[in-house]
């Protein structure tokens, strides 16, 4: 009885883990939803430009959003 219970739990666990890997990627009919402007990291380019300008003004460095370091030169 104990072996049967272990085998049942093991089979159930393997089935749950394997079914979690079945839905990777974007389906072809969902690609139009993922390509919308709202799905971008910078959905509003005006807000992104304003944020970049504020960061540039405070840190005295340009392009600091994707690079390490700041305006103090202390990398």
PDB file of N, CA and C in Angstrom:
ATOM      1  N   UNK A   1       0.822  -1.196   0.000  1.00  0.00           N
ATOM      2  CA  UNK A   1       0.000   0.000   0.000  1.00  0.00           C
ATOM      3  C   UNK A   1       0.867   1.262   0.000  1.00  0.00           C
ATOM      4  N   UNK A   2       1.932   1.224   0.782  1.00  0.00           N
ATOM      5  CA  UNK A   2       2.806   2.398   0.872  1.00  0.00           C
ATOM      6  C   UNK A   2       3.527   2.635  -0.451  1.00  0.00           C
ATOM      7  N   UNK A   3       3.942   1.592  -1.122  1.00  0.00           N
ATOM      8  CA  UNK A   3       4.615   1.717  -2.410  1.00  0.00           C
ATOM      9  C   UNK A   3       3.656   2.266  -3.458  1.00  0.00           C
ATOM     10  N   UNK A   4       2.436   1.814  -3.408  1.00  0.00           N
ATOM     11  CA  UNK A   4       1.438   2.299  -4.366  1.00  0.00           C
ATOM     12  C   UNK A   4       1.167   3.792  -4.148  1.00  0.00           C
ATOM     13  N   UNK A   5       1.076   4.212  -2.894  1.00  0.00           N
ATOM     14  CA  UNK A   5       0.845   5.619  -2.581  1.00  0.00           C
ATOM     15  C   UNK A   5       2.023   6.471  -3.052  1.00  0.00           C
ATOM     16  N   UNK A   6       3.243   5.999  -2.820  1.00  0.00           N
ATOM     17  CA  UNK A   6       4.434   6.710  -3.280  1.00  0.00           C
ATOM     18  C   UNK A   6       4.442   6.817  -4.796  1.00  0.00           C
ATOM     19  N   UNK A   7       4.145   5.725  -5.489  1.00  0.00           N
ATOM     20  CA  UNK A   7       4.128   5.724  -6.945  1.00  0.00           C
ATOM     21  C   UNK A   7       3.069   6.687  -7.480  1.00  0.00           C
ATOM     22  N   UNK A   8       1.907   6.737  -6.852  1.00  0.00           N
ATOM     23  CA  UNK A   8       0.843   7.639  -7.265  1.00  0.00           C
ATOM     24  C   UNK A   8       1.257   9.096  -7.071  1.00  0.00           C
ATOM     25  N   UNK A   9       1.850   9.418  -5.931  1.00  0.00           N
ATOM     26  CA  UNK A   9       2.314  10.791  -5.681  1.00  0.00           C
ATOM     27  C   UNK A   9       3.439  11.180  -6.638  1.00  0.00           C
ATOM     28  N   UNK A  10       4.340  10.260  -6.893  1.00  0.00           N
ATOM     29  CA  UNK A  10       5.438  10.532  -7.819  1.00  0.00           C
ATOM     30  C   UNK A  10       4.906  10.787  -9.226  1.00  0.00           C
ATOM     31  N   UNK A  11       3.989   9.955  -9.676  1.00  0.00           N
ATOM     32  CA  UNK A  11       3.406  10.122 -11.009  1.00  0.00           C
ATOM     33  C   UNK A  11       2.652  11.436 -11.116  1.00  0.00           C
ATOM     34  N   UNK A  12       1.916  11.776 -10.092  1.00  0.00           N
ATOM     35  CA  UNK A  12       1.187  13.037 -10.089  1.00  0.00           C
ATOM     36  C   UNK A  12       2.149  14.223 -10.117  1.00  0.00           C
ATOM     37  N   UNK A  13       3.218  14.161  -9.349  1.00  0.00           N
ATOM     38  CA  UNK A  13       4.212  15.240  -9.345  1.00  0.00           C
ATOM     39  C   UNK A  13       4.894  15.411 -10.688  1.00  0.00           C
ATOM     40  N   UNK A  14       5.272  14.307 -11.308  1.00  0.00           N
ATOM     41  CA  UNK A  14       5.911  14.381 -12.626  1.00  0.00           C
ATOM     42  C   UNK A  14       4.942  14.944 -13.657  1.00  0.00           C
ATOM     43  N   UNK A  15       3.695  14.530 -13.597  1.00  0.00           N
ATOM     44  CA  UNK A  15       2.691  15.024 -14.539  1.00  0.00           C
ATOM     45  C   UNK A  15       2.486  16.527 -14.383  1.00  0.00           C
ATOM     46  N   UNK A  16       2.425  17.004 -13.148  1.00  0.00           N
ATOM     47  CA  UNK A  16       2.244  18.440 -12.903  1.00  0.00           C
ATOM     48  C   UNK A  16       3.451  19.227 -13.415  1.00  0.00           C
ATOM     49  N   UNK A  17       4.646  18.735 -13.158  1.00  0.00           N
ATOM     50  CA  UNK A  17       5.847  19.430 -13.615  1.00  0.00           C
ATOM     51  C   UNK A  17       5.960  19.426 -15.139  1.00  0.00           C
ATOM     52  N   UNK A  18       5.623  18.355 -15.765  1.00  0.00           N
ATOM     53  CA  UNK A  18       5.723  18.276 -17.224  1.00  0.00           C
ATOM     54  C   UNK A  18       4.648  19.112 -17.911  1.00  0.00           C
ATOM     55  N   UNK A  19       3.490  19.235 -17.310  1.00  0.00           N
ATOM     56  CA  UNK A  19       2.443  20.044 -17.938  1.00  0.00           C
ATOM     57  C   UNK A  19       2.749  21.527 -17.820  1.00  0.00           C
ATOM     58  N   UNK A  20       3.563  21.924 -16.874  1.00  0.00           N
ATOM     59  CA  UNK A  20       3.947  23.321 -16.745  1.00  0.00           C
ATOM     60  C   UNK A  20       4.854  23.791 -17.862  1.00  0.00           C
ATOM     61  N   UNK A  21       5.527  22.888 -18.525  1.00  0.00           N
ATOM     62  CA  UNK A  21       6.447  23.234 -19.605  1.00  0.00           C
ATOM     63  C   UNK A  21       5.780  23.181 -20.971  1.00  0.00           C
ATOM     64  N   UNK A  22       4.502  22.940 -21.023  1.00  0.00           N
ATOM     65  CA  UNK A  22       3.839  22.731 -22.307  1.00  0.00           C
ATOM     66  C   UNK A  22       3.444  24.024 -23.001  1.00  0.00           C
ATOM     67  N   UNK A  23       3.431  25.156 -22.321  1.00  0.00           N
ATOM     68  CA  UNK A  23       2.901  26.377 -22.921  1.00  0.00           C
ATOM     69  C   UNK A  23       3.934  27.493 -22.998  1.00  0.00           C
ATOM     70  N   UNK A  24       5.152  27.177 -23.427  1.00  0.00           N
ATOM     71  CA  UNK A  24       6.157  28.224 -23.590  1.00  0.00           C
ATOM     72  C   UNK A  24       5.977  28.916 -24.922  1.00  0.00           C
ATOM     73  N   UNK A  25       6.304  30.182 -24.964  1.00  0.00           N
ATOM     74  CA  UNK A  25       6.237  30.931 -26.202  1.00  0.00           C
ATOM     75  C   UNK A  25       4.890  31.591 -26.424  1.00  0.00           C
ATOM     76  N   UNK A  26       4.843  32.401 -27.454  1.00  0.00           N
ATOM     77  CA  UNK A  26       3.631  33.124 -27.815  1.00  0.00           C
ATOM     78  C   UNK A  26       2.992  32.414 -28.995  1.00  0.00           C
ATOM     79  N   UNK A  27       1.711  32.179 -28.898  1.00  0.00           N
ATOM     80  CA  UNK A  27       0.993  31.533 -29.996  1.00  0.00           C
ATOM     81  C   UNK A  27       0.865  32.509 -31.163  1.00  0.00           C
ATOM     82  N   UNK A  28       0.841  32.014 -32.389  1.00  0.00           N
ATOM     83  CA  UNK A  28       0.774  32.914 -33.543  1.00  0.00           C
ATOM     84  C   UNK A  28      -0.423  33.861 -33.502  1.00  0.00           C
ATOM     85  N   UNK A  29      -1.539  33.435 -32.974  1.00  0.00           N
ATOM     86  CA  UNK A  29      -2.712  34.310 -32.959  1.00  0.00           C
ATOM     87  C   UNK A  29      -2.672  35.307 -31.807  1.00  0.00           C
ATOM     88  N   UNK A  30      -1.679  35.207 -30.919  1.00  0.00           N
ATOM     89  CA  UNK A  30      -1.524  36.173 -29.839  1.00  0.00           C
ATOM     90  C   UNK A  30      -0.425  37.189 -30.110  1.00  0.00           C
ATOM     91  N   UNK A  31       0.278  37.060 -31.208  1.00  0.00           N
ATOM     92  CA  UNK A  31       1.392  37.962 -31.493  1.00  0.00           C
ATOM     93  C   UNK A  31       0.933  39.392 -31.728  1.00  0.00           C
ATOM     94  N   UNK A  32      -0.267  39.564 -32.258  1.00  0.00           N
ATOM     95  CA  UNK A  32      -0.746  40.931 -32.465  1.00  0.00           C
ATOM     96  C   UNK A  32      -0.979  41.635 -31.131  1.00  0.00           C
ATOM     97  N   UNK A  33      -1.350  40.897 -30.100  1.00  0.00           N
ATOM     98  CA  UNK A  33      -1.532  41.508 -28.784  1.00  0.00           C
ATOM     99  C   UNK A  33      -0.201  41.901 -28.160  1.00  0.00           C
ATOM    100  N   UNK A  34       0.820  41.086 -28.394  1.00  0.00           N
ATOM    101  CA  UNK A  34       2.131  41.365 -27.819  1.00  0.00           C
ATOM    102  C   UNK A  34       2.861  42.480 -28.555  1.00  0.00           C
ATOM    103  N   UNK A  35       2.460  42.784 -29.774  1.00  0.00           N
ATOM    104  CA  UNK A  35       3.132  43.810 -30.571  1.00  0.00           C
ATOM    105  C   UNK A  35       2.514  45.190 -30.368  1.00  0.00           C
ATOM    106  N   UNK A  36       1.528  45.319 -29.516  1.00  0.00           N
ATOM    107  CA  UNK A  36       0.907  46.618 -29.279  1.00  0.00           C
ATOM    108  C   UNK A  36       1.864  47.567 -28.582  1.00  0.00           C
ATOM    109  N   UNK A  37       1.621  48.855 -28.747  1.00  0.00           N
ATOM    110  CA  UNK A  37       2.465  49.861 -28.103  1.00  0.00           C
ATOM    111  C   UNK A  37       2.365  49.807 -26.584  1.00  0.00           C
ATOM    112  N   UNK A  38       1.229  49.378 -26.060  1.00  0.00           N
ATOM    113  CA  UNK A  38       1.069  49.309 -24.610  1.00  0.00           C
ATOM    114  C   UNK A  38       1.963  48.247 -23.978  1.00  0.00           C
ATOM    115  N   UNK A  39       2.439  47.303 -24.757  1.00  0.00           N
ATOM    116  CA  UNK A  39       3.250  46.218 -24.226  1.00  0.00           C
ATOM    117  C   UNK A  39       4.737  46.570 -24.176  1.00  0.00           C
ATOM    118  N   UNK A  40       5.121  47.705 -24.724  1.00  0.00           N
ATOM    119  CA  UNK A  40       6.517  48.131 -24.689  1.00  0.00           C
ATOM    120  C   UNK A  40       6.900  48.550 -23.278  1.00  0.00           C
ATOM    121  N   UNK A  41       8.177  48.511 -22.962  1.00  0.00           N
ATOM    122  CA  UNK A  41       8.632  48.983 -21.661  1.00  0.00           C
ATOM    123  C   UNK A  41       8.433  50.482 -21.538  1.00  0.00           C
ATOM    124  N   UNK A  42       8.661  51.210 -22.628  1.00  0.00           N
ATOM    125  CA  UNK A  42       8.407  52.646 -22.671  1.00  0.00           C
ATOM    126  C   UNK A  42       7.162  52.863 -23.513  1.00  0.00           C
ATOM    127  N   UNK A  43       6.002  52.657 -22.915  1.00  0.00           N
ATOM    128  CA  UNK A  43       4.750  52.743 -23.664  1.00  0.00           C
ATOM    129  C   UNK A  43       4.485  54.161 -24.144  1.00  0.00           C
ATOM    130  N   UNK A  44       4.944  55.146 -23.406  1.00  0.00           N
ATOM    131  CA  UNK A  44       4.739  56.532 -23.792  1.00  0.00           C
ATOM    132  C   UNK A  44       6.104  57.168 -24.038  1.00  0.00           C
ATOM    133  N   UNK A  45       6.480  57.418 -25.287  1.00  0.00           N
ATOM    134  CA  UNK A  45       7.811  57.960 -25.568  1.00  0.00           C
ATOM    135  C   UNK A  45       8.030  59.355 -24.992  1.00  0.00           C
ATOM    136  N   UNK A  46       6.965  60.135 -24.837  1.00  0.00           N
ATOM    137  CA  UNK A  46       7.118  61.474 -24.266  1.00  0.00           C
ATOM    138  C   UNK A  46       7.521  61.368 -22.796  1.00  0.00           C
ATOM    139  N   UNK A  47       6.874  60.486 -22.052  1.00  0.00           N
ATOM    140  CA  UNK A  47       7.249  60.290 -20.651  1.00  0.00           C
ATOM    141  C   UNK A  47       8.667  59.755 -20.524  1.00  0.00           C
ATOM    142  N   UNK A  48       9.056  58.885 -21.422  1.00  0.00           N
ATOM    143  CA  UNK A  48      10.419  58.350 -21.387  1.00  0.00           C
ATOM    144  C   UNK A  48      11.441  59.454 -21.649  1.00  0.00           C
ATOM    145  N   UNK A  49      11.141  60.352 -22.580  1.00  0.00           N
ATOM    146  CA  UNK A  49      12.057  61.461 -22.872  1.00  0.00           C
ATOM    147  C   UNK A  49      12.148  62.418 -21.687  1.00  0.00           C
ATOM    148  N   UNK A  50      11.017  62.671 -21.025  1.00  0.00           N
ATOM    149  CA  UNK A  50      11.028  63.551 -19.851  1.00  0.00           C
ATOM    150  C   UNK A  50      11.830  62.910 -18.719  1.00  0.00           C
ATOM    151  N   UNK A  51      11.641  61.619 -18.495  1.00  0.00           N
ATOM    152  CA  UNK A  51      12.408  60.923 -17.456  1.00  0.00           C
ATOM    153  C   UNK A  51      13.898  60.943 -17.771  1.00  0.00           C
ATOM    154  N   UNK A  52      14.253  60.742 -19.020  1.00  0.00           N
ATOM    155  CA  UNK A  52      15.661  60.771 -19.426  1.00  0.00           C
ATOM    156  C   UNK A  52      16.243  62.161 -19.204  1.00  0.00           C
ATOM    157  N   UNK A  53      15.475  63.197 -19.511  1.00  0.00           N
ATOM    158  CA  UNK A  53      15.954  64.555 -19.307  1.00  0.00           C
ATOM    159  C   UNK A  53      16.148  64.851 -17.822  1.00  0.00           C
ATOM    160  N   UNK A  54      15.237  64.405 -16.973  1.00  0.00           N
ATOM    161  CA  UNK A  54      15.397  64.628 -15.534  1.00  0.00           C
ATOM    162  C   UNK A  54      16.618  63.886 -15.005  1.00  0.00           C
ATOM    163  N   UNK A  55      16.820  62.661 -15.475  1.00  0.00           N
ATOM    164  CA  UNK A  55      17.976  61.899 -15.019  1.00  0.00           C
ATOM    165  C   UNK A  55      19.268  62.563 -15.486  1.00  0.00           C
ATOM    166  N   UNK A  56      19.275  63.033 -16.728  1.00  0.00           N
ATOM    167  CA  UNK A  56      20.457  63.707 -17.265  1.00  0.00           C
ATOM    168  C   UNK A  56      20.746  64.980 -16.474  1.00  0.00           C
ATOM    169  N   UNK A  57      19.702  65.724 -16.132  1.00  0.00           N
ATOM    170  CA  UNK A  57      19.890  66.983 -15.422  1.00  0.00           C
ATOM    171  C   UNK A  57      20.406  66.760 -14.005  1.00  0.00           C
ATOM    172  N   UNK A  58      19.952  65.714 -13.333  1.00  0.00           N
ATOM    173  CA  UNK A  58      20.353  65.475 -11.951  1.00  0.00           C
ATOM    174  C   UNK A  58      21.711  64.785 -11.847  1.00  0.00           C
ATOM    175  N   UNK A  59      21.998  63.876 -12.753  1.00  0.00           N
ATOM    176  CA  UNK A  59      23.216  63.083 -12.653  1.00  0.00           C
ATOM    177  C   UNK A  59      24.372  63.655 -13.461  1.00  0.00           C
ATOM    178  N   UNK A  60      24.097  64.613 -14.336  1.00  0.00           N
ATOM    179  CA  UNK A  60      25.110  65.212 -15.209  1.00  0.00           C
ATOM    180  C   UNK A  60      25.777  64.158 -16.082  1.00  0.00           C
ATOM    181  N   UNK A  61      24.996  63.181 -16.508  1.00  0.00           N
ATOM    182  CA  UNK A  61      25.507  62.166 -17.426  1.00  0.00           C
ATOM    183  C   UNK A  61      24.391  61.792 -18.383  1.00  0.00           C
ATOM    184  N   UNK A  62      24.743  61.396 -19.566  1.00  0.00           N
ATOM    185  CA  UNK A  62      23.718  61.015 -20.534  1.00  0.00           C
ATOM    186  C   UNK A  62      23.730  59.511 -20.721  1.00  0.00           C
ATOM    187  N   UNK A  63      22.589  58.955 -21.032  1.00  0.00           N
ATOM    188  CA  UNK A  63      22.490  57.526 -21.276  1.00  0.00           C
ATOM    189  C   UNK A  63      22.605  56.683 -20.029  1.00  0.00           C
ATOM    190  N   UNK A  64      22.300  57.236 -18.890  1.00  0.00           N
ATOM    191  CA  UNK A  64      22.491  56.515 -17.632  1.00  0.00           C
ATOM    192  C   UNK A  64      21.437  55.498 -17.311  1.00  0.00           C
ATOM    193  N   UNK A  65      20.405  55.415 -18.108  1.00  0.00           N
ATOM    194  CA  UNK A  65      19.340  54.468 -17.783  1.00  0.00           C
ATOM    195  C   UNK A  65      19.756  53.032 -18.037  1.00  0.00           C
ATOM    196  N   UNK A  66      20.655  52.812 -18.959  1.00  0.00           N
ATOM    197  CA  UNK A  66      21.038  51.432 -19.260  1.00  0.00           C
ATOM    198  C   UNK A  66      22.511  51.148 -18.985  1.00  0.00           C
ATOM    199  N   UNK A  67      23.230  52.085 -18.430  1.00  0.00           N
ATOM    200  CA  UNK A  67      24.645  51.902 -18.152  1.00  0.00           C
ATOM    201  C   UNK A  67      24.901  52.001 -16.659  1.00  0.00           C
ATOM    202  N   UNK A  68      25.968  51.367 -16.215  1.00  0.00           N
ATOM    203  CA  UNK A  68      26.355  51.452 -14.801  1.00  0.00           C
ATOM    204  C   UNK A  68      27.072  52.769 -14.539  1.00  0.00           C
ATOM    205  N   UNK A  69      27.055  53.189 -13.317  1.00  0.00           N
ATOM    206  CA  UNK A  69      27.753  54.412 -12.954  1.00  0.00           C
ATOM    207  C   UNK A  69      26.866  55.626 -13.001  1.00  0.00           C
ATOM    208  N   UNK A  70      27.395  56.747 -12.629  1.00  0.00           N
ATOM    209  CA  UNK A  70      26.642  57.986 -12.619  1.00  0.00           C
ATOM    210  C   UNK A  70      27.515  59.160 -12.994  1.00  0.00           C
ATOM    211  N   UNK A  71      27.090  60.345 -12.648  1.00  0.00           N
ATOM    212  CA  UNK A  71      27.810  61.553 -13.013  1.00  0.00           C
ATOM    213  C   UNK A  71      29.004  61.823 -12.137  1.00  0.00           C
ATOM    214  N   UNK A  72      29.146  61.126 -11.024  1.00  0.00           N
ATOM    215  CA  UNK A  72      30.246  61.392 -10.105  1.00  0.00           C
ATOM    216  C   UNK A  72      31.546  60.737 -10.552  1.00  0.00           C
ATOM    217  N   UNK A  73      31.507  59.846 -11.505  1.00  0.00           N
ATOM    218  CA  UNK A  73      32.703  59.175 -11.996  1.00  0.00           C
ATOM    219  C   UNK A  73      33.099  57.988 -11.155  1.00  0.00           C
ATOM    220  N   UNK A  74      32.212  57.515 -10.302  1.00  0.00           N
ATOM    221  CA  UNK A  74      32.556  56.427  -9.386  1.00  0.00           C
ATOM    222  C   UNK A  74      32.059  55.062  -9.861  1.00  0.00           C
ATOM    223  N   UNK A  75      31.827  54.846 -11.058  1.00  0.00           N
ATOM    224  CA  UNK A  75      31.452  53.581 -11.673  1.00  0.00           C
ATOM    225  C   UNK A  75      30.901  52.601 -10.698  1.00  0.00           C
TER     226      UNK A  75
END
